[in-house]
Amino acid sequence: MAAHTRKKVTISIIIPFLVFIIFFSIMIWQKYRSSYEMPATPPEQGANGHQAVTLFFAVDGTRLAREARVLDHCDDDDACLKNVLAALLNGPVGAFEQTMPEGTAVYAASIDGDQATIEFNSAFSDAMLSGSSAEMLAVYAVVNTVAVNFPKIQRVKLNIGGNTGTILRHLDLSEPLQPDYSLEQPPPPEPETPPPGSGVNN
């Protein structure tokens, strides 16, 4: 077989193979990206009855971040709210960190007008890590998750162990809370300290 003919045969084999590899790579990338991207809209029931939601988890123990999730079908707002909270309690599937104290459970959850009311067991406060950051991340992971997925909800009331006036070490939960999306922002960088002898006045 002439060298020219062999070259044509080789090219005719390589080109379809490369096209297949590129197509397969694109499909894998799209599947990976869709599993981590935040849904463009709050929860909607798809044709297959699944529900796309956004959950809030911690990053580096200092701020909140969003993780997309697909949940099973739910029949009404209260059932959907319980589904979302159950997913939040189950924790992240990616590299984020859980914000809920160990042993936390939801006793009841309901929506009335623009307010959601959630009843946690006492583990939510008893097992809470010390420090204001842990409290802020745990509380607003719940509040922000509920508000993002249910746009009509403007306030979230958290009751702990049957107590409607719970006050944590640093946060007062006696009144309904509004979402705080500023907790998604990374902390500002610390100012650089000039090295000794640099001549910069303190």
Protein backbone atom coordinates (compact mmCIF):
# COMPACT_ATOMS: atom_id res chain seq x y z
CA MET A 1 0.00 0.00 0.00
CA ALA A 2 1.38 3.41 -0.96
CA ALA A 3 2.39 5.79 1.81
CA HIS A 4 -0.20 8.31 0.62
CA THR A 5 -2.97 5.71 0.82
CA ARG A 6 -1.88 4.58 4.31
CA LYS A 7 -1.92 8.21 5.48
CA LYS A 8 -5.49 8.67 4.21
CA VAL A 9 -6.64 5.49 5.98
CA THR A 10 -4.98 6.58 9.24
CA ILE A 11 -6.63 10.01 9.11
CA SER A 12 -10.02 8.46 8.35
CA ILE A 13 -9.68 6.37 11.53
CA ILE A 14 -8.28 9.10 13.81
CA ILE A 15 -10.81 11.83 12.97
CA PRO A 16 -13.97 9.87 14.02
CA PHE A 17 -12.12 8.71 17.14
CA LEU A 18 -11.24 12.30 18.09
CA VAL A 19 -14.82 13.44 17.44
CA PHE A 20 -16.09 10.69 19.73
CA ILE A 21 -13.62 11.65 22.49
CA ILE A 22 -14.57 15.34 22.27
CA PHE A 23 -18.30 14.57 22.33
CA PHE A 24 -17.92 12.21 25.29
CA SER A 25 -15.82 14.78 27.20
CA ILE A 26 -18.44 17.48 26.66
CA MET A 27 -21.20 15.21 27.96
CA ILE A 28 -19.18 14.37 31.10
CA TRP A 29 -18.42 18.05 31.75
CA GLN A 30 -22.07 19.10 31.37
CA LYS A 31 -23.18 16.38 33.77
CA TYR A 32 -20.54 17.43 36.35
CA ARG A 33 -21.38 21.13 36.00
CA SER A 34 -25.12 20.62 36.31
CA SER A 35 -24.66 18.73 39.59
CA TYR A 36 -22.95 21.71 41.25
CA GLU A 37 -24.49 24.78 39.61
CA MET A 38 -27.14 26.69 41.48
CA PRO A 39 -30.58 26.33 39.86
CA ALA A 40 -31.57 29.39 37.83
CA THR A 41 -34.93 29.50 39.62
CA PRO A 42 -36.24 28.36 42.99
CA PRO A 43 -37.82 24.90 43.32
CA GLU A 44 -39.97 23.79 40.43
CA GLN A 45 -41.67 20.50 39.79
CA GLY A 46 -40.21 19.06 36.61
CA ALA A 47 -41.97 16.80 34.17
CA ASN A 48 -40.71 13.80 36.11
CA GLY A 49 -41.94 15.27 39.41
CA HIS A 50 -38.46 16.04 40.71
CA GLN A 51 -37.74 19.26 42.56
CA ALA A 52 -34.61 21.37 41.96
CA VAL A 53 -33.52 23.17 45.13
CA THR A 54 -30.63 25.20 46.54
CA LEU A 55 -29.11 24.37 49.92
CA PHE A 56 -26.71 26.44 52.02
CA PHE A 57 -23.63 24.89 53.63
CA ALA A 58 -20.42 26.23 55.14
CA VAL A 59 -17.06 26.96 53.54
CA ASP A 60 -13.97 27.00 55.77
CA GLY A 61 -16.26 27.46 58.77
CA THR A 62 -16.50 31.17 57.94
CA ARG A 63 -19.18 31.69 55.28
CA LEU A 64 -22.08 30.09 53.45
CA ALA A 65 -22.17 28.69 49.92
CA ARG A 66 -24.90 27.26 47.70
CA GLU A 67 -25.18 23.67 46.57
CA ALA A 68 -27.74 22.46 44.03
CA ARG A 69 -29.77 19.36 44.73
CA VAL A 70 -32.63 17.46 43.06
CA LEU A 71 -35.28 16.07 45.41
CA ASP A 72 -38.25 13.78 45.01
CA HIS A 73 -41.76 14.97 44.26
CA CYS A 74 -43.75 16.75 47.00
CA ASP A 75 -47.48 17.40 47.09
CA ASP A 76 -47.73 20.81 48.79
CA ASP A 77 -45.64 23.64 50.28
CA ASP A 78 -45.39 22.09 53.74
CA ALA A 79 -44.26 18.76 52.31
CA CYS A 80 -41.76 20.52 50.03
CA LEU A 81 -40.43 22.49 53.00
CA LYS A 82 -39.88 19.28 54.97
CA ASN A 83 -38.11 17.71 51.98
CA VAL A 84 -35.75 20.69 51.70
CA LEU A 85 -34.99 20.67 55.43
CA ALA A 86 -34.34 16.92 55.39
CA ALA A 87 -31.82 17.40 52.58
CA LEU A 88 -30.18 20.22 54.51
CA LEU A 89 -29.84 18.04 57.61
CA ASN A 90 -28.36 15.20 55.54
CA GLY A 91 -25.43 17.47 54.70
CA PRO A 92 -23.53 18.39 51.55
CA VAL A 93 -22.60 15.97 48.79
CA GLY A 94 -19.68 18.08 47.60
CA ALA A 95 -16.73 19.68 49.37
CA PHE A 96 -18.76 22.00 51.61
CA GLU A 97 -19.25 21.59 55.37
CA GLN A 98 -22.33 20.75 57.41
CA THR A 99 -23.67 23.59 59.55
CA MET A 100 -26.32 21.69 61.50
CA PRO A 101 -25.32 20.50 65.00
CA GLU A 102 -25.06 16.73 65.41
CA GLY A 103 -28.38 15.07 66.24
CA THR A 104 -30.53 17.93 64.98
CA ALA A 105 -33.99 16.86 63.82
CA VAL A 106 -37.06 18.69 62.54
CA TYR A 107 -40.19 18.02 64.58
CA ALA A 108 -42.50 20.19 62.48
CA ALA A 109 -42.36 22.67 59.59
CA SER A 110 -45.14 24.76 58.09
CA ILE A 111 -45.76 27.81 55.92
CA ASP A 112 -48.35 30.45 56.76
CA GLY A 113 -48.47 33.38 54.37
CA ASP A 114 -45.01 34.91 54.10
CA GLN A 115 -43.64 33.13 57.18
CA ALA A 116 -42.23 29.66 57.68
CA THR A 117 -42.13 28.13 61.16
CA ILE A 118 -39.70 25.33 61.92
CA GLU A 119 -39.58 23.30 65.12
CA PHE A 120 -36.18 21.74 65.86
CA ASN A 121 -35.35 19.35 68.66
CA SER A 122 -33.16 20.57 71.52
CA ALA A 123 -29.99 19.18 69.87
CA PHE A 124 -30.00 22.23 67.61
CA SER A 125 -28.99 24.38 70.58
CA ASP A 126 -27.48 21.77 72.93
CA ALA A 127 -24.99 20.42 70.37
CA MET A 128 -24.22 23.78 68.77
CA LEU A 129 -20.51 24.48 68.47
CA SER A 130 -19.34 27.38 70.59
CA GLY A 131 -18.82 30.75 68.98
CA SER A 132 -20.95 33.29 67.17
CA SER A 133 -19.79 32.10 63.72
CA ALA A 134 -21.11 28.57 64.27
CA GLU A 135 -24.47 29.94 65.39
CA MET A 136 -24.72 32.36 62.47
CA LEU A 137 -23.87 29.70 59.90
CA ALA A 138 -26.28 27.14 61.38
CA VAL A 139 -29.19 29.54 61.74
CA TYR A 140 -28.82 31.29 58.41
CA ALA A 141 -28.12 28.08 56.51
CA VAL A 142 -31.72 27.26 57.47
CA VAL A 143 -33.19 30.73 56.95
CA ASN A 144 -31.47 31.35 53.61
CA THR A 145 -32.27 27.87 52.31
CA VAL A 146 -35.96 28.33 53.08
CA ALA A 147 -36.14 31.86 51.67
CA VAL A 148 -34.33 31.01 48.41
CA ASN A 149 -36.47 27.98 47.66
CA PHE A 150 -39.81 29.55 48.62
CA PRO A 151 -39.83 33.13 47.26
CA LYS A 152 -43.06 34.10 49.03
CA ILE A 153 -41.42 33.49 52.42
CA GLN A 154 -39.97 36.68 53.89
CA ARG A 155 -39.42 35.51 57.47
CA VAL A 156 -38.46 32.25 59.17
CA LYS A 157 -39.28 31.49 62.81
CA LEU A 158 -37.08 28.90 64.50
CA ASN A 159 -38.41 27.18 67.63
CA ILE A 160 -36.15 24.88 69.64
CA GLY A 161 -37.45 22.01 71.76
CA GLY A 162 -40.92 23.53 71.99
CA ASN A 163 -39.57 26.91 73.13
CA THR A 164 -40.73 29.82 70.96
CA GLY A 165 -38.42 32.30 72.67
CA THR A 166 -35.08 30.56 72.37
CA ILE A 167 -31.96 32.66 72.80
CA LEU A 168 -28.71 31.00 71.83
CA ARG A 169 -25.42 32.15 73.30
CA HIS A 170 -25.10 34.86 70.66
CA LEU A 171 -28.35 34.91 68.65
CA ASP A 172 -31.90 35.74 69.67
CA LEU A 173 -34.41 33.42 67.98
CA SER A 174 -37.47 34.77 69.78
CA GLU A 175 -38.52 36.71 66.66
CA PRO A 176 -38.74 35.60 63.01
CA LEU A 177 -35.56 36.14 61.00
CA GLN A 178 -35.06 37.48 57.50
CA PRO A 179 -32.44 35.95 55.18
CA ASP A 180 -28.91 37.35 55.18
CA TYR A 181 -27.10 36.65 51.93
CA SER A 182 -24.08 38.75 52.95
CA LEU A 183 -22.88 35.62 54.77
CA GLU A 184 -21.93 34.20 51.37
CA GLN A 185 -19.21 36.78 50.95
CA PRO A 186 -15.63 35.74 51.78
CA PRO A 187 -14.06 37.57 54.70
CA PRO A 188 -12.03 40.67 53.76
CA PRO A 189 -8.28 40.10 53.48
CA GLU A 190 -6.26 41.04 56.51
CA PRO A 191 -4.04 44.11 56.03
CA GLU A 192 -0.44 43.28 55.39
CA THR A 193 1.95 44.01 58.23
CA PRO A 194 5.14 45.71 57.02
CA PRO A 195 8.29 43.82 57.91
CA PRO A 196 10.46 45.19 60.75
CA GLY A 197 12.78 47.95 59.67
CA SER A 198 10.76 48.80 56.55
CA GLY A 199 10.51 52.42 57.64
CA VAL A 200 6.70 52.44 57.70
CA ASN A 201 5.30 54.29 60.69
CA ASN A 202 2.82 52.34 62.84
